[in-house]
């Protein structure tokens, strides 16, 4: 890790919504796809901006 990352990462991390998975340490596309599936299963009908997991293969 660079010194810049040690300083800047906590600042940007604090501003990101918890639903965001891109460019975040410890998060990945598979986790995002799983969250979308779980929300759809629970009846959420929100519009979701994301790349389907099968498109990443």
Protein backbone atom coordinates (compact mmCIF):
# COMPACT_ATOMS: atom_id res chain seq x y z
CA UNK A 1 0.00 0.00 0.00
CA UNK A 2 1.24 3.44 -0.81
CA UNK A 3 1.21 6.35 1.58
CA UNK A 4 -1.40 8.07 -0.59
CA UNK A 5 -3.75 5.09 -0.30
CA UNK A 6 -3.34 5.00 3.46
CA UNK A 7 -4.44 8.63 3.64
CA UNK A 8 -7.07 8.81 0.88
CA UNK A 9 -8.83 5.45 1.16
CA UNK A 10 -10.59 6.15 4.49
CA UNK A 11 -11.74 9.53 3.20
CA UNK A 12 -13.34 8.12 0.05
CA UNK A 13 -14.62 5.01 1.82
CA UNK A 14 -16.61 7.17 4.23
CA UNK A 15 -18.43 8.88 1.33
CA UNK A 16 -19.42 5.74 -0.58
CA UNK A 17 -22.85 4.23 -0.03
CA UNK A 18 -22.87 0.73 1.46
CA UNK A 19 -24.54 -0.60 -1.70
CA UNK A 20 -21.51 0.24 -3.83
CA UNK A 21 -19.20 -2.66 -4.59
CA UNK A 22 -16.92 -1.30 -7.31
CA UNK A 23 -13.40 -0.24 -6.42
CA UNK A 24 -13.77 -1.15 -2.75
CA UNK A 25 -11.40 -3.31 -0.76
CA UNK A 26 -12.90 -6.63 0.24
CA UNK A 27 -15.79 -6.38 -2.24
CA UNK A 28 -16.20 -7.94 -5.67
CA UNK A 29 -18.62 -8.51 -8.53
CA UNK A 30 -19.79 -11.87 -7.20
CA UNK A 31 -20.84 -10.29 -3.91
CA UNK A 32 -22.70 -7.57 -5.80
CA UNK A 33 -24.53 -10.13 -7.94
CA UNK A 34 -25.50 -12.12 -4.86
CA UNK A 35 -26.87 -8.99 -3.20
CA UNK A 36 -28.96 -8.20 -6.28
CA UNK A 37 -30.38 -11.73 -6.34
CA UNK A 38 -31.23 -11.58 -2.63
CA UNK A 39 -32.99 -8.24 -2.99
CA UNK A 40 -35.00 -9.45 -5.98
CA UNK A 41 -35.97 -12.58 -4.04
CA UNK A 42 -37.19 -10.39 -1.16
CA UNK A 43 -39.48 -8.55 -3.58
CA UNK A 44 -37.51 -5.40 -4.26
CA UNK A 45 -38.34 -3.98 -7.66
CA UNK A 46 -35.74 -1.21 -7.70
CA UNK A 47 -33.80 -0.49 -10.85
CA UNK A 48 -30.28 -1.82 -10.44
CA UNK A 49 -27.27 -0.62 -12.39
CA UNK A 50 -24.89 -3.49 -12.74
CA UNK A 51 -23.23 -6.00 -15.02
CA UNK A 52 -24.76 -9.47 -14.88
CA UNK A 53 -22.32 -11.98 -13.46
CA UNK A 54 -22.56 -14.21 -16.54
CA UNK A 55 -21.32 -11.31 -18.65
CA UNK A 56 -18.07 -11.31 -16.70
CA UNK A 57 -17.24 -14.92 -17.59
